[in-house]
Amino acid sequence: MGNKDTNKTDGYRPISCTTYDHYEIWAMRKTLLSITYNATTVITRIVTLTVTNGVEYAILENGEKIRLDNIDEVLEA
């Protein structure tokens, strides 16, 4: 999958501050996660969070960039 940006930038829906805080904590702790988005599930870690043109993204260990509003479920693996 590499550096694939799995999302369009139009129609962004901001996520809640509480959810964003969870993503930040998981990134800081390097927690192994099961992340489901766009009918795909990956087992990975969030390396960092970033904002591009007002759209929030998670950058994963494999380099993939996922728009936070496209994430359906995150579970600790």
N, C-alpha and C. Protein backbone atom coordinates (compact mmCIF):
# COMPACT_ATOMS: atom_id res chain seq x y z
N MET A 1 0.81 -1.19 0.00
CA MET A 1 0.00 0.00 0.00
C MET A 1 0.86 1.26 0.00
N GLY A 2 1.99 1.26 0.65
CA GLY A 2 2.95 2.34 0.58
C GLY A 2 2.39 3.67 1.05
N ASN A 3 2.73 4.75 0.35
CA ASN A 3 2.31 6.08 0.72
C ASN A 3 0.96 6.46 0.13
N LYS A 4 0.16 5.50 -0.13
CA LYS A 4 -1.14 5.73 -0.75
C LYS A 4 -2.04 6.56 0.17
N ASP A 5 -2.59 7.63 -0.36
CA ASP A 5 -3.58 8.44 0.34
C ASP A 5 -4.92 7.83 0.00
N THR A 6 -5.56 7.20 0.98
CA THR A 6 -6.75 6.41 0.72
C THR A 6 -8.03 7.24 0.68
N ASN A 7 -7.90 8.56 0.64
CA ASN A 7 -9.08 9.38 0.81
C ASN A 7 -9.09 10.60 -0.07
N LYS A 8 -10.29 11.09 -0.38
CA LYS A 8 -10.46 12.37 -1.04
C LYS A 8 -10.44 13.46 0.03
N THR A 9 -10.17 14.71 -0.36
CA THR A 9 -10.16 15.80 0.62
C THR A 9 -11.49 16.54 0.69
N ASP A 10 -12.42 16.24 -0.20
CA ASP A 10 -13.71 16.92 -0.15
C ASP A 10 -14.64 16.26 0.86
N GLY A 11 -15.59 17.03 1.39
CA GLY A 11 -16.58 16.48 2.30
C GLY A 11 -16.04 16.04 3.65
N TYR A 12 -14.93 16.63 4.10
CA TYR A 12 -14.35 16.22 5.38
C TYR A 12 -15.30 16.51 6.54
N ARG A 13 -15.43 15.54 7.44
CA ARG A 13 -16.25 15.68 8.65
C ARG A 13 -15.32 15.62 9.85
N PRO A 14 -15.11 16.75 10.55
CA PRO A 14 -14.21 16.73 11.70
C PRO A 14 -14.65 15.69 12.73
N ILE A 15 -13.66 15.05 13.35
CA ILE A 15 -13.96 14.07 14.40
C ILE A 15 -13.99 14.79 15.74
N SER A 16 -14.51 14.11 16.76
CA SER A 16 -14.58 14.72 18.09
C SER A 16 -13.19 14.86 18.70
N CYS A 17 -13.05 15.83 19.59
CA CYS A 17 -11.78 16.02 20.29
C CYS A 17 -11.42 14.79 21.11
N THR A 18 -12.40 14.14 21.70
CA THR A 18 -12.15 12.95 22.50
C THR A 18 -11.57 11.83 21.64
N THR A 19 -12.12 11.62 20.47
CA THR A 19 -11.61 10.59 19.56
C THR A 19 -10.19 10.93 19.12
N TYR A 20 -9.95 12.20 18.78
CA TYR A 20 -8.61 12.64 18.38
C TYR A 20 -7.62 12.38 19.51
N ASP A 21 -8.02 12.68 20.74
CA ASP A 21 -7.15 12.44 21.91
C ASP A 21 -6.78 10.97 22.03
N HIS A 22 -7.74 10.06 21.77
CA HIS A 22 -7.44 8.63 21.80
C HIS A 22 -6.38 8.28 20.76
N TYR A 23 -6.52 8.81 19.55
CA TYR A 23 -5.53 8.55 18.50
C TYR A 23 -4.16 9.05 18.91
N GLU A 24 -4.10 10.23 19.54
CA GLU A 24 -2.82 10.78 19.99
C GLU A 24 -2.16 9.89 21.04
N ILE A 25 -2.96 9.42 21.99
CA ILE A 25 -2.43 8.56 23.06
C ILE A 25 -1.92 7.25 22.47
N TRP A 26 -2.70 6.64 21.56
CA TRP A 26 -2.25 5.39 20.93
C TRP A 26 -0.95 5.61 20.16
N ALA A 27 -0.83 6.75 19.49
CA ALA A 27 0.41 7.04 18.75
C ALA A 27 1.58 7.19 19.71
N MET A 28 1.39 7.94 20.80
CA MET A 28 2.47 8.15 21.78
C MET A 28 2.92 6.83 22.41
N ARG A 29 1.97 5.97 22.70
CA ARG A 29 2.28 4.70 23.36
C ARG A 29 2.67 3.60 22.39
N LYS A 30 2.61 3.91 21.07
CA LYS A 30 2.94 2.93 20.03
C LYS A 30 2.10 1.66 20.16
N THR A 31 0.83 1.85 20.46
CA THR A 31 -0.11 0.76 20.68
C THR A 31 -0.43 0.05 19.36
N LEU A 32 -0.38 -1.27 19.37
CA LEU A 32 -0.78 -2.05 18.20
C LEU A 32 -2.30 -2.01 18.10
N LEU A 33 -2.80 -1.64 16.94
CA LEU A 33 -4.24 -1.42 16.75
C LEU A 33 -4.79 -2.21 15.57
N SER A 34 -6.07 -2.50 15.66
CA SER A 34 -6.84 -3.01 14.53
C SER A 34 -7.70 -1.82 14.07
N ILE A 35 -7.39 -1.31 12.87
CA ILE A 35 -8.09 -0.13 12.36
C ILE A 35 -8.92 -0.53 11.15
N THR A 36 -10.22 -0.23 11.22
CA THR A 36 -11.13 -0.53 10.11
C THR A 36 -11.56 0.79 9.47
N TYR A 37 -11.38 0.87 8.13
CA TYR A 37 -11.75 2.05 7.36
C TYR A 37 -12.01 1.61 5.93
N ASN A 38 -12.95 2.26 5.28
CA ASN A 38 -13.26 1.97 3.86
C ASN A 38 -13.33 0.47 3.58
N ALA A 39 -14.00 -0.30 4.44
CA ALA A 39 -14.18 -1.75 4.29
C ALA A 39 -12.86 -2.52 4.32
N THR A 40 -11.82 -1.94 4.94
CA THR A 40 -10.52 -2.58 5.07
C THR A 40 -10.13 -2.58 6.54
N THR A 41 -9.52 -3.67 6.99
CA THR A 41 -8.99 -3.72 8.36
C THR A 41 -7.51 -4.00 8.30
N VAL A 42 -6.73 -3.20 9.04
CA VAL A 42 -5.29 -3.40 9.12
C VAL A 42 -4.87 -3.48 10.58
N ILE A 43 -3.85 -4.28 10.85
CA ILE A 43 -3.23 -4.35 12.17
C ILE A 43 -1.95 -3.55 12.06
N THR A 44 -1.86 -2.45 12.81
CA THR A 44 -0.73 -1.53 12.66
C THR A 44 -0.65 -0.60 13.85
N ARG A 45 0.30 0.31 13.79
CA ARG A 45 0.43 1.37 14.78
C ARG A 45 0.30 2.72 14.08
N ILE A 46 -0.23 3.71 14.81
CA ILE A 46 -0.25 5.08 14.31
C ILE A 46 1.10 5.69 14.66
N VAL A 47 1.80 6.19 13.66
CA VAL A 47 3.11 6.82 13.88
C VAL A 47 2.93 8.27 14.30
N THR A 48 2.04 8.97 13.61
CA THR A 48 1.78 10.38 13.92
C THR A 48 0.44 10.79 13.34
N LEU A 49 -0.03 11.93 13.77
CA LEU A 49 -1.23 12.54 13.23
C LEU A 49 -0.80 13.84 12.54
N THR A 50 -1.48 14.18 11.47
CA THR A 50 -1.12 15.38 10.71
C THR A 50 -2.39 16.02 10.16
N VAL A 51 -2.27 17.30 9.82
CA VAL A 51 -3.38 18.03 9.21
C VAL A 51 -2.88 18.62 7.90
N THR A 52 -3.60 18.36 6.82
CA THR A 52 -3.27 18.90 5.50
C THR A 52 -4.52 19.57 4.95
N ASN A 53 -4.43 20.85 4.66
CA ASN A 53 -5.56 21.61 4.13
C ASN A 53 -6.82 21.44 4.97
N GLY A 54 -6.66 21.43 6.30
CA GLY A 54 -7.78 21.33 7.20
C GLY A 54 -8.34 19.93 7.39
N VAL A 55 -7.69 18.93 6.80
CA VAL A 55 -8.14 17.54 6.91
C VAL A 55 -7.16 16.78 7.80
N GLU A 56 -7.69 16.07 8.81
CA GLU A 56 -6.86 15.33 9.77
C GLU A 56 -6.59 13.92 9.25
N TYR A 57 -5.32 13.49 9.39
CA TYR A 57 -4.89 12.17 8.93
C TYR A 57 -4.10 11.45 10.00
N ALA A 58 -4.15 10.12 9.96
CA ALA A 58 -3.24 9.26 10.73
C ALA A 58 -2.23 8.71 9.74
N ILE A 59 -0.95 8.77 10.10
CA ILE A 59 0.10 8.16 9.31
C ILE A 59 0.45 6.85 10.01
N LEU A 60 0.33 5.75 9.28
CA LEU A 60 0.54 4.42 9.86
C LEU A 60 1.97 3.95 9.66
N GLU A 61 2.33 2.88 10.37
CA GLU A 61 3.68 2.31 10.28
C GLU A 61 4.11 2.00 8.85
N ASN A 62 3.17 1.55 8.03
CA ASN A 62 3.51 1.18 6.66
C ASN A 62 3.56 2.39 5.72
N GLY A 63 3.38 3.60 6.27
CA GLY A 63 3.42 4.81 5.46
C GLY A 63 2.08 5.24 4.93
N GLU A 64 1.07 4.42 5.13
CA GLU A 64 -0.27 4.76 4.64
C GLU A 64 -0.83 5.94 5.41
N LYS A 65 -1.56 6.80 4.71
CA LYS A 65 -2.17 8.01 5.25
C LYS A 65 -3.68 7.83 5.19
N ILE A 66 -4.33 7.83 6.36
CA ILE A 66 -5.78 7.59 6.44
C ILE A 66 -6.47 8.82 7.00
N ARG A 67 -7.49 9.27 6.29
CA ARG A 67 -8.29 10.38 6.80
C ARG A 67 -9.04 9.92 8.04
N LEU A 68 -8.96 10.71 9.13
CA LEU A 68 -9.56 10.28 10.38
C LEU A 68 -11.07 10.11 10.30
N ASP A 69 -11.75 10.90 9.48
CA ASP A 69 -13.20 10.75 9.39
C ASP A 69 -13.63 9.52 8.60
N ASN A 70 -12.67 8.80 7.99
CA ASN A 70 -13.00 7.56 7.29
C ASN A 70 -12.81 6.33 8.16
N ILE A 71 -12.28 6.52 9.35
CA ILE A 71 -12.06 5.38 10.25
C ILE A 71 -13.40 4.99 10.89
N ASP A 72 -13.74 3.70 10.76
CA ASP A 72 -15.01 3.18 11.30
C ASP A 72 -14.84 2.62 12.70
N GLU A 73 -13.67 1.98 12.94
CA GLU A 73 -13.47 1.32 14.24
C GLU A 73 -11.99 1.19 14.52
N VAL A 74 -11.61 1.38 15.78
CA VAL A 74 -10.23 1.14 16.21
C VAL A 74 -10.29 0.33 17.50
N LEU A 75 -9.59 -0.79 17.50
CA LEU A 75 -9.50 -1.65 18.67
C LEU A 75 -8.03 -1.92 18.98
N GLU A 76 -7.70 -2.02 20.26
CA GLU A 76 -6.34 -2.41 20.60
C GLU A 76 -6.18 -3.88 20.23
N ALA A 77 -5.10 -4.18 19.51
CA ALA A 77 -4.88 -5.54 19.02
C ALA A 77 -4.18 -6.40 20.06
